[in-house]
Amino acid sequence: MLAKLDKAISYFSLVIMTICMSVATIVAFINVILRYLLNTSLPWAGALTAYLFIWSALFGAAYGFRTGMHIGVTIIIQRLKPKIGKILLIINLIIILLFLICFTKWGIDFIIFSINLHQIDIDLRIPFWIIYLCVPLSLLISTYQVFLKLLKTIRTPADKFSYDQIMQDQNQ
């Protein structure tokens, strides 16, 4: 059950990231062509491209937690005895998890605040809360991915602990 949920969440992140990046690239390309060939442009293209790149980056970061692609100083953990390395990784993952939980809560509060303001993006004519929705969604997915890494680390016996084995996605 958890494996299916994990696969669905990862697929969702990949699809959102891919669609947003693709649409942003296409819209930017079309806008450049219109500007240089026809001396006109789409007034909403800049805003849409920026928002889609942000969505793509945040969902890409969330997916990066699953695949272990985030930058980290791993040489210390890899050079320590497995038991000490495991303890340090658990501490590290707990700190990251607490950070993500706090920012997820902030993101949800920000969405509620934005809904109450009733602000609309002038160029796209959509409520800002829809644009900002990527923040709590991507952070929630990141929190879930880090939680899974923490569980995997805790469940791994100290004598079999390997940083690479924990952080790499086994289901790619």
Protein backbone atom coordinates (compact mmCIF):
# COMPACT_ATOMS: atom_id res chain seq x y z
CA MET A 1 0.00 0.00 0.00
CA LEU A 2 2.76 2.44 0.96
CA ALA A 3 4.72 1.47 -2.15
CA LYS A 4 1.73 2.31 -4.36
CA LEU A 5 1.25 5.66 -2.62
CA ASP A 6 4.96 6.43 -2.98
CA LYS A 7 4.89 5.54 -6.66
CA ALA A 8 1.78 7.68 -7.26
CA ILE A 9 3.25 10.68 -5.42
CA SER A 10 6.54 10.39 -7.32
CA TYR A 11 4.70 10.04 -10.62
CA PHE A 12 2.60 13.10 -9.78
CA SER A 13 5.75 15.14 -9.04
CA LEU A 14 7.41 14.02 -12.26
CA VAL A 15 4.33 14.77 -14.36
CA ILE A 16 3.82 18.24 -12.84
CA MET A 17 7.52 19.04 -13.22
CA THR A 18 7.62 17.83 -16.83
CA ILE A 19 4.40 19.53 -17.92
CA CYS A 20 5.31 22.83 -16.29
CA MET A 21 8.81 22.87 -17.78
CA SER A 22 7.52 21.89 -21.23
CA VAL A 23 4.70 24.43 -21.32
CA ALA A 24 6.98 27.19 -19.98
CA THR A 25 9.55 26.45 -22.67
CA ILE A 26 6.94 26.37 -25.45
CA VAL A 27 5.27 29.61 -24.30
CA ALA A 28 8.63 31.39 -23.97
CA PHE A 29 9.69 30.17 -27.43
CA ILE A 30 6.42 31.29 -29.03
CA ASN A 31 6.68 34.66 -27.33
CA VAL A 32 10.23 35.17 -28.61
CA ILE A 33 9.16 34.25 -32.15
CA LEU A 34 6.20 36.65 -31.96
CA ARG A 35 8.38 39.44 -30.61
CA TYR A 36 11.14 39.18 -33.22
CA LEU A 37 9.16 38.18 -36.29
CA LEU A 38 5.85 40.01 -35.80
CA ASN A 39 6.92 42.77 -33.39
CA THR A 40 4.25 41.74 -30.88
CA SER A 41 4.07 39.50 -27.84
CA LEU A 42 1.68 37.70 -25.55
CA PRO A 43 1.15 39.99 -22.55
CA TRP A 44 0.67 37.07 -20.16
CA ALA A 45 3.59 34.92 -21.41
CA GLY A 46 6.20 36.33 -19.04
CA ALA A 47 4.10 35.75 -15.94
CA LEU A 48 3.01 32.28 -17.02
CA THR A 49 6.57 31.24 -17.87
CA ALA A 50 7.88 32.47 -14.52
CA TYR A 51 5.16 30.71 -12.53
CA LEU A 52 5.58 27.46 -14.47
CA PHE A 53 9.35 27.47 -13.93
CA ILE A 54 8.76 27.97 -10.20
CA TRP A 55 6.28 25.09 -10.11
CA SER A 56 8.73 22.94 -12.06
CA ALA A 57 11.60 23.77 -9.71
CA LEU A 58 9.63 23.11 -6.53
CA PHE A 59 8.20 19.80 -7.73
CA GLY A 60 11.64 18.89 -9.07
CA ALA A 61 13.08 19.56 -5.62
CA ALA A 62 10.39 17.37 -4.07
CA TYR A 63 11.28 14.58 -6.49
CA GLY A 64 14.95 15.15 -5.68
CA PHE A 65 14.30 14.12 -2.08
CA ARG A 66 13.13 10.74 -3.35
CA THR A 67 16.06 10.14 -5.64
CA GLY A 68 18.73 11.49 -3.29
CA MET A 69 19.76 14.18 -5.78
CA HIS A 70 20.09 17.02 -3.29
CA ILE A 71 23.54 18.33 -2.52
CA GLY A 72 24.92 17.06 0.76
CA VAL A 73 28.22 16.66 2.53
CA THR A 74 28.25 12.88 2.56
CA ILE A 75 31.96 12.26 2.94
CA ILE A 76 31.72 12.62 6.72
CA ILE A 77 28.91 10.08 7.08
CA GLN A 78 30.55 7.69 4.61
CA ARG A 79 33.89 7.75 6.47
CA LEU A 80 32.43 7.09 9.91
CA LYS A 81 31.62 3.72 11.39
CA PRO A 82 28.20 2.59 10.12
CA LYS A 83 26.52 2.93 13.53
CA ILE A 84 27.72 6.54 14.01
CA GLY A 85 26.94 7.39 10.38
CA LYS A 86 23.43 6.04 10.84
CA ILE A 87 22.90 8.17 13.97
CA LEU A 88 24.17 11.30 12.20
CA LEU A 89 21.92 10.64 9.21
CA ILE A 90 18.91 10.16 11.50
CA ILE A 91 19.67 13.49 13.20
CA ASN A 92 20.13 15.16 9.81
CA LEU A 93 16.86 13.77 8.46
CA ILE A 94 14.96 14.81 11.60
CA ILE A 95 16.25 18.39 11.25
CA ILE A 96 15.27 18.44 7.56
CA LEU A 97 11.88 16.95 8.41
CA LEU A 98 11.18 19.58 11.08
CA PHE A 99 12.22 22.34 8.67
CA LEU A 100 9.93 20.99 5.95
CA ILE A 101 7.01 20.56 8.36
CA CYS A 102 7.36 24.19 9.50
CA PHE A 103 7.52 25.47 5.94
CA THR A 104 4.60 23.27 4.86
CA LYS A 105 2.52 24.77 7.67
CA TRP A 106 3.65 28.26 6.61
CA GLY A 107 2.72 27.44 3.00
CA ILE A 108 -0.78 26.31 4.03
CA ASP A 109 -1.25 29.44 6.13
CA PHE A 110 -0.07 31.54 3.19
CA ILE A 111 -2.63 29.90 0.88
CA ILE A 112 -5.42 30.60 3.39
CA PHE A 113 -4.21 34.20 3.69
CA SER A 114 -4.13 34.54 -0.12
CA ILE A 115 -7.65 33.12 -0.45
CA ASN A 116 -8.91 35.69 2.05
CA LEU A 117 -7.25 38.54 0.13
CA HIS A 118 -9.06 37.65 -3.11
CA GLN A 119 -6.13 38.90 -5.20
CA ILE A 120 -6.03 38.06 -8.89
CA ASP A 121 -2.98 38.01 -11.15
CA ILE A 122 -3.50 40.83 -13.65
CA ASP A 123 -1.90 39.04 -16.60
CA LEU A 124 -3.35 35.56 -16.13
CA ARG A 125 -6.65 36.49 -14.48
CA ILE A 126 -6.39 33.70 -11.91
CA PRO A 127 -6.35 33.93 -8.12
CA PHE A 128 -2.87 34.15 -6.60
CA TRP A 129 -3.64 31.30 -4.21
CA ILE A 130 -3.70 28.93 -7.20
CA ILE A 131 -0.27 30.17 -8.26
CA TYR A 132 1.06 29.82 -4.70
CA LEU A 133 -0.43 26.33 -4.24
CA CYS A 134 2.83 24.81 -5.46
CA VAL A 135 4.54 25.82 -2.22
CA PRO A 136 2.59 23.70 0.29
CA LEU A 137 2.03 20.88 -2.22
CA SER A 138 5.70 20.47 -3.10
CA LEU A 139 6.76 20.88 0.53
CA LEU A 140 4.24 18.27 1.62
CA ILE A 141 5.65 15.85 -0.94
CA SER A 142 9.20 16.69 0.18
CA THR A 143 8.19 16.07 3.81
CA TYR A 144 6.75 12.69 2.86
CA GLN A 145 9.90 11.70 0.93
CA VAL A 146 12.21 12.69 3.81
CA PHE A 147 9.97 10.82 6.25
CA LEU A 148 10.35 7.68 4.12
CA LYS A 149 14.15 8.12 4.13
CA LEU A 150 14.06 8.49 7.91
CA LEU A 151 12.01 5.31 8.31
CA LYS A 152 14.35 3.43 5.99
CA THR A 153 17.37 4.67 7.97
CA ILE A 154 15.85 3.68 11.32
CA ARG A 155 14.86 0.22 10.02
CA THR A 156 18.28 -0.52 8.52
CA PRO A 157 20.51 -2.47 10.92
CA ALA A 158 23.63 -0.50 11.87
CA ASP A 159 25.99 -3.15 10.50
CA LYS A 160 24.26 -2.98 7.09
CA PHE A 161 23.99 0.81 7.00
CA SER A 162 25.18 2.56 3.86
CA TYR A 163 24.42 6.20 3.10
CA ASP A 164 24.17 5.50 -0.62
CA GLN A 165 21.79 2.58 -0.08
CA ILE A 166 19.48 4.75 2.05
CA MET A 167 19.47 7.84 -0.12
CA GLN A 168 19.25 6.29 -3.57
CA ASP A 169 15.80 5.50 -4.92
CA GLN A 170 15.47 1.75 -5.28
CA ASN A 171 12.37 2.04 -7.48
CA GLN A 172 13.68 4.13 -10.38
